[in-house]
Every structure is written in structure tokens, then in C-alpha cells.
Amino acid sequence: MTRLVVIGTSCDATWIVTRALRGRFGPIPLLLEPRVSRTHLVRQRIRRLGLARVAGQLAFQVGVQPWLTRRAADRIASICGRAGLDRRPVTDDVSALPPVNDPEAQRTLVDLAPRLVILSGTRIVGSETLRATGCPFINLHAGITPFGRGVHGGWWAIADGRPELCGSTVHRVDEGIDSGQALAQVSFHPEPGDDFASLPYRHLETGIPALLMVVESLLADRSVPPILVPPMPSRLRTHPTITQYFLGARRLRALVSRP
């Protein structure tokens, strides 16, 4: 029986999470799921959000986000350095996995028979996959749920004027979108130099210790009861439009400039 399995996509977050888990718990197989095609994602978004909203999102993602990522390179390196986040691509004990809800992916998990599965950036996992092994699925989510479900939860908390809800959640995975029971939550305050591109690494910096604590308890067969989450609205977040980004960036600058 395999104690732990990580299922993720090829990205910094997956490399960081996998290396952190291996550093604490030893060898862990990494199963890489293929990314959903951009065309498919855009079509899904248009059906759900409408053409105008998606056009604004694409304007941000194509016209602004690459520049933000380049500008934040030194800030990201600083966060990773102080927190010991290793974002080098993982190349050992890595296997390709079909889409996570494919029957072949389910058979792979059954063969591995893990005690615990950790997700990093995968598709929404369906009920058949969740039931395939009988073990818990855990996710480190960049947002305080249920307020910051979906993507960029911390950034949206700031953009919506709720900086106290900027943080990360370790939760059990169910069939919804970041709707499983929260097992740990940790918040952080943005620092000078933080922006849209660096906040994901702040989520990892503060969230990984909570993830390691939860995983350690579950592997030791210690109970990890759901935490009591105060009442808050449940919001499913998507990518900001270009207008939403600039409005949110103004709030972030004001927040980090306070004495």
C-alpha cells in the first residue's frame, strides 16, 4: 500500500507541494494529469459567464498577466527563498495520468491503494474517482472557503475589501468546487511588493505548514475534525477582467502602504 499519492498538473504549485511532502514523508509518487485545453476552458467560461465577461478576462490574462509575472520574478524568488519553497520541476517517480475522472485513472489509483491522495490544480474530481480507493482526498486551496472558492481567493478577498479573508484552506475534497470540509485555515497579510503574480506563493508559504500538519495527523490515524468556519458568503471565483484587476490592484496598493 502506498501511503501518499500526489495528483497534479505541471506547474510551480505542484512541484512545491510535492517536494514539501517528500521532504517530510519520504518517497511519494506524483501523477501528472494533462491540462484542459485553453479552447475548451474559454468555451466553458463563455457558456457560464457570457462573452463580454470572458473577453475582459482574456484581455487581462493575455495583455497584463505575463507582464505581472515577469515583474514579480524577484519577489517570487524572495518568498520561495525565505520559506524554503522548492519550485524545481519534479522529475523522479513521476507518471503521466489520464484525466482524473477517466476509468484508467481510477484503475491506477486502485492499483496504488494509497491511504491519502493530495491534489494540486486538477480538474474537479467526480464521485467515482473519489470512491475508487476509499481513502480521503485532500487539497490545499488558495483562499479562505467558502468566501474564496475557485481561483485567486486571496486576491479576490483584497479586491472585495475583505483582507481578513486573505489566506489558504486545507480541505477534504468532495464533488463540488472547493466545497469540502475545511480541516485547517491560515490567513496572511499582504506585504509591500505583493501583487497578483506573487500572492499564489504567499498562499503556498503560509498554507504548506498547515497541509503538512493535516497530512501527518491523518497518516497517524489521528482525528482531524472539520474546523468551525464563521458565517460568510460562499462565492465561486473566476479570473478577473482587466477592469477588475486594476480596481483590485488599487486596493492592494492602499492596503500594503498602511503603516
Protein backbone atom coordinates (compact mmCIF):
# COMPACT_ATOMS: atom_id res chain seq x y z
CA MET A 1 0.00 0.00 0.00
CA THR A 2 1.21 3.49 -0.90
CA ARG A 3 0.87 5.96 1.95
CA LEU A 4 0.57 9.10 -0.17
CA VAL A 5 -0.07 9.98 -3.81
CA VAL A 6 0.01 13.45 -5.33
CA ILE A 7 -2.10 14.16 -8.41
CA GLY A 8 -1.30 17.47 -10.05
CA THR A 9 -0.63 19.42 -13.19
CA SER A 10 2.73 20.68 -14.41
CA CYS A 11 3.17 23.95 -12.50
CA ASP A 12 5.17 25.55 -9.69
CA ALA A 13 2.49 24.77 -7.09
CA THR A 14 2.65 21.04 -7.85
CA TRP A 15 6.45 20.99 -7.67
CA ILE A 16 6.44 22.92 -4.38
CA VAL A 17 3.72 20.81 -2.75
CA THR A 18 5.29 17.52 -3.89
CA ARG A 19 8.77 18.45 -2.70
CA ALA A 20 7.44 19.65 0.65
CA LEU A 21 5.54 16.39 1.19
CA ARG A 22 8.52 14.27 0.15
CA GLY A 23 10.75 16.25 2.48
CA ARG A 24 8.51 15.34 5.40
CA PHE A 25 7.15 11.89 4.47
CA GLY A 26 9.69 10.34 2.11
CA PRO A 27 9.16 8.95 -1.42
CA ILE A 28 5.74 9.82 -2.87
CA PRO A 29 4.62 9.10 -6.44
CA LEU A 30 3.48 12.10 -8.48
CA LEU A 31 0.80 11.53 -11.11
CA LEU A 32 0.62 14.34 -13.67
CA GLU A 33 -2.77 14.99 -15.20
CA PRO A 34 -2.91 16.73 -18.62
CA ARG A 35 -4.10 20.30 -18.61
CA VAL A 36 -7.52 21.16 -20.01
CA SER A 37 -7.08 22.84 -23.38
CA ARG A 38 -7.40 26.64 -23.38
CA THR A 39 -10.02 26.49 -26.13
CA HIS A 40 -12.19 24.16 -24.05
CA LEU A 41 -11.81 26.38 -20.99
CA VAL A 42 -12.76 29.50 -22.94
CA ARG A 43 -15.85 27.85 -24.36
CA GLN A 44 -16.90 26.70 -20.90
CA ARG A 45 -16.43 30.18 -19.50
CA ILE A 46 -18.44 31.82 -22.28
CA ARG A 47 -21.35 29.45 -21.64
CA ARG A 48 -21.22 30.18 -17.91
CA LEU A 49 -20.21 33.85 -17.75
CA GLY A 50 -21.06 35.36 -21.12
CA LEU A 51 -18.88 36.67 -23.95
CA ALA A 52 -18.30 40.18 -22.55
CA ARG A 53 -17.00 38.91 -19.19
CA VAL A 54 -14.71 36.34 -20.80
CA ALA A 55 -13.36 38.93 -23.24
CA GLY A 56 -12.37 41.08 -20.26
CA GLN A 57 -10.72 38.09 -18.58
CA LEU A 58 -8.73 37.24 -21.71
CA ALA A 59 -7.63 40.87 -22.05
CA PHE A 60 -6.16 40.62 -18.57
CA GLN A 61 -4.64 37.14 -18.99
CA VAL A 62 -3.05 37.90 -22.37
CA GLY A 63 -2.31 41.61 -22.09
CA VAL A 64 -1.40 42.13 -18.41
CA GLN A 65 -0.71 38.89 -16.54
CA PRO A 66 2.50 37.90 -18.41
CA TRP A 67 3.97 41.33 -17.61
CA LEU A 68 2.96 40.99 -13.96
CA THR A 69 4.68 37.60 -13.78
CA ARG A 70 7.92 38.99 -15.22
CA ARG A 71 7.79 41.99 -12.90
CA ALA A 72 7.24 39.78 -9.84
CA ALA A 73 10.16 37.42 -10.55
CA ASP A 74 12.41 38.82 -7.81
CA ARG A 75 9.55 38.99 -5.31
CA ILE A 76 8.58 35.36 -6.02
CA ALA A 77 12.19 34.24 -5.64
CA SER A 78 12.39 36.07 -2.30
CA ILE A 79 9.22 34.40 -0.98
CA CYS A 80 10.39 30.96 -2.08
CA GLY A 81 13.83 31.51 -0.60
CA ARG A 82 12.69 32.57 2.85
CA ALA A 83 10.00 29.87 3.03
CA GLY A 84 12.13 27.06 1.60
CA LEU A 85 9.73 26.51 -1.30
CA ASP A 86 11.46 24.39 -3.94
CA ARG A 87 9.85 25.01 -7.33
CA ARG A 88 12.26 22.98 -9.43
CA PRO A 89 10.29 20.60 -11.66
CA VAL A 90 9.94 17.13 -10.15
CA THR A 91 11.40 14.51 -12.48
CA ASP A 92 11.71 11.34 -10.37
CA ASP A 93 8.86 8.92 -9.59
CA VAL A 94 6.55 10.86 -11.94
CA SER A 95 3.94 9.17 -14.13
CA ALA A 96 1.51 10.52 -16.68
CA LEU A 97 -2.13 10.11 -15.68
CA PRO A 98 -5.19 10.39 -17.91
CA PRO A 99 -7.79 13.00 -16.89
CA VAL A 100 -8.55 12.28 -13.25
CA ASN A 101 -12.12 11.11 -13.89
CA ASP A 102 -11.12 8.69 -16.65
CA PRO A 103 -11.65 4.99 -15.77
CA GLU A 104 -7.97 4.33 -16.47
CA ALA A 105 -7.00 6.96 -13.88
CA GLN A 106 -9.33 5.29 -11.39
CA ARG A 107 -7.70 1.92 -12.05
CA THR A 108 -4.25 3.46 -11.48
CA LEU A 109 -5.37 4.75 -8.08
CA VAL A 110 -6.87 1.39 -7.16
CA ASP A 111 -3.58 -0.32 -8.03
CA LEU A 112 -1.59 2.14 -5.91
CA ALA A 113 -4.05 1.76 -2.99
CA PRO A 114 -2.98 4.99 -1.24
CA ARG A 115 -4.02 5.93 2.28
CA LEU A 116 -4.29 9.57 1.23
CA VAL A 117 -4.42 11.49 -2.07
CA ILE A 118 -3.24 15.10 -2.32
CA LEU A 119 -4.49 17.19 -5.24
CA SER A 120 -2.76 20.15 -6.88
CA GLY A 121 -4.53 22.02 -9.66
CA THR A 122 -6.52 19.12 -11.11
CA ARG A 123 -9.93 19.03 -12.71
CA ILE A 124 -12.96 18.77 -10.44
CA VAL A 125 -12.87 15.19 -9.17
CA GLY A 126 -16.05 13.17 -9.71
CA SER A 127 -17.70 10.79 -7.30
CA GLU A 128 -16.44 7.58 -8.97
CA THR A 129 -12.82 8.69 -8.62
CA LEU A 130 -13.36 9.86 -5.04
CA ARG A 131 -14.81 6.45 -4.16
CA ALA A 132 -12.26 4.40 -6.13
CA THR A 133 -9.77 3.94 -3.28
CA GLY A 134 -11.90 4.56 -0.20
CA CYS A 135 -9.25 6.99 1.09
CA PRO A 136 -9.56 10.75 1.71
CA PHE A 137 -8.65 13.29 -0.97
CA ILE A 138 -7.09 16.50 0.38
CA ASN A 139 -6.47 19.84 -1.31
CA LEU A 140 -4.51 22.96 -0.35
CA HIS A 141 -6.69 25.76 -1.68
CA ALA A 142 -5.55 29.34 -2.28
CA GLY A 143 -8.44 31.02 -0.50
CA ILE A 144 -10.46 31.04 2.69
CA THR A 145 -13.51 28.93 1.95
CA PRO A 146 -16.37 29.31 1.39
CA PHE A 147 -15.71 33.02 0.63
CA GLY A 148 -12.84 32.35 -1.78
CA ARG A 149 -13.75 29.24 -3.73
CA GLY A 150 -12.43 28.81 -7.27
CA VAL A 151 -9.25 30.67 -8.24
CA HIS A 152 -7.24 33.59 -6.81
CA GLY A 153 -9.09 33.53 -3.50
CA GLY A 154 -6.66 35.76 -1.65
CA TRP A 155 -6.56 38.37 -4.37
CA TRP A 156 -10.35 38.47 -4.53
CA ALA A 157 -10.58 38.91 -0.75
CA ILE A 158 -8.42 42.03 -1.09
CA ALA A 159 -10.26 43.27 -4.17
CA ASP A 160 -13.59 42.88 -2.36
CA GLY A 161 -12.38 44.81 0.67
CA ARG A 162 -12.15 41.73 2.92
CA PRO A 163 -8.38 41.42 3.52
CA GLU A 164 -9.01 39.47 6.72
CA LEU A 165 -10.16 36.63 4.43
CA CYS A 166 -6.87 36.52 2.52
CA GLY A 167 -5.49 33.08 3.26
CA SER A 168 -5.48 29.37 2.47
CA THR A 169 -7.61 26.35 3.33
CA VAL A 170 -6.72 22.68 3.65
CA HIS A 171 -9.93 20.79 2.96
CA ARG A 172 -11.34 17.41 2.16
CA VAL A 173 -12.30 17.10 -1.48
CA ASP A 174 -15.91 16.44 -2.43
CA GLU A 175 -17.72 16.64 -5.77
CA GLY A 176 -18.12 20.40 -5.57
CA ILE A 177 -15.65 23.20 -6.25
CA ASP A 178 -13.61 23.80 -3.09
CA SER A 179 -16.70 22.97 -1.04
CA GLY A 180 -15.35 20.11 1.09
CA GLN A 181 -14.96 20.29 4.87
CA ALA A 182 -12.20 22.67 5.95
CA LEU A 183 -9.57 20.97 8.12
CA ALA A 184 -7.26 23.97 8.56
CA GLN A 185 -7.25 27.62 7.57
CA VAL A 186 -4.47 30.17 7.81
CA SER A 187 -4.57 33.84 6.85
CA PHE A 188 -1.79 36.24 5.90
CA HIS A 189 -1.42 39.96 5.38
CA PRO A 190 -0.11 41.20 2.02
CA GLU A 191 3.35 42.76 2.16
CA PRO A 192 4.95 45.55 0.12
CA GLY A 193 5.86 44.12 -3.26
CA ASP A 194 2.94 41.68 -3.34
CA ASP A 195 0.70 41.70 -6.39
CA PHE A 196 -1.46 39.32 -8.36
CA ALA A 197 1.52 37.25 -9.50
CA SER A 198 3.20 36.90 -6.11
CA LEU A 199 0.14 36.17 -3.96
CA PRO A 200 -0.06 32.49 -5.06
CA TYR A 201 3.37 31.97 -3.50
CA ARG A 202 2.26 33.67 -0.28
CA HIS A 203 -0.60 31.14 -0.21
CA LEU A 204 1.94 28.32 -0.50
CA GLU A 205 4.30 29.87 2.04
CA THR A 206 1.59 30.03 4.69
CA GLY A 207 -0.52 27.06 3.62
CA ILE A 208 2.04 24.28 3.28
CA PRO A 209 2.80 24.04 7.04
CA ALA A 210 -0.95 23.57 7.60
CA LEU A 211 -1.09 20.93 4.87
CA LEU A 212 1.84 19.03 6.39
CA MET A 213 0.20 19.12 9.82
CA VAL A 214 -3.09 17.73 8.47
CA VAL A 215 -1.38 15.00 6.43
CA GLU A 216 0.77 13.96 9.38
CA SER A 217 -2.30 13.64 11.60
CA LEU A 218 -4.26 11.64 9.02
CA LEU A 219 -1.36 9.25 8.40
CA ALA A 220 -1.02 8.74 12.13
CA ASP A 221 -4.72 7.87 12.28
CA ARG A 222 -5.39 10.88 14.45
CA SER A 223 -8.73 12.58 14.03
CA VAL A 224 -8.72 15.88 12.16
CA PRO A 225 -12.19 17.31 12.79
CA PRO A 226 -13.56 19.99 10.48
CA ILE A 227 -12.83 23.46 11.78
CA LEU A 228 -15.63 25.82 12.70
CA VAL A 229 -15.86 28.34 9.88
CA PRO A 230 -17.67 31.59 10.80
CA PRO A 231 -20.67 32.51 8.65
CA MET A 232 -19.62 34.14 5.39
CA PRO A 233 -20.94 34.30 1.83
CA SER A 234 -19.97 31.45 -0.47
CA ARG A 235 -18.53 32.78 -3.70
CA LEU A 236 -17.08 30.92 -6.67
CA ARG A 237 -14.23 32.99 -8.04
CA THR A 238 -13.01 33.13 -11.63
CA HIS A 239 -10.22 35.12 -13.26
CA PRO A 240 -10.59 38.90 -13.01
CA THR A 241 -11.36 41.02 -16.03
CA ILE A 242 -8.84 43.69 -16.91
CA THR A 243 -11.02 46.32 -15.22
CA GLN A 244 -11.47 44.21 -12.08
CA TYR A 245 -7.73 43.70 -11.88
CA PHE A 246 -6.89 47.41 -11.89
CA LEU A 247 -9.58 48.16 -9.31
CA GLY A 248 -8.28 45.35 -7.10
CA ALA A 249 -4.65 46.40 -7.58
CA ARG A 250 -5.52 49.87 -6.29
CA ARG A 251 -6.98 48.35 -3.12
CA LEU A 252 -3.92 46.13 -2.70
CA ARG A 253 -1.55 49.09 -3.01
CA ALA A 254 -3.55 51.01 -0.42
CA LEU A 255 -3.52 48.02 1.92
CA VAL A 256 0.25 47.42 1.85
CA SER A 257 1.03 51.12 2.20
CA ARG A 258 -0.72 51.43 5.55
CA PRO A 259 1.66 51.91 8.49
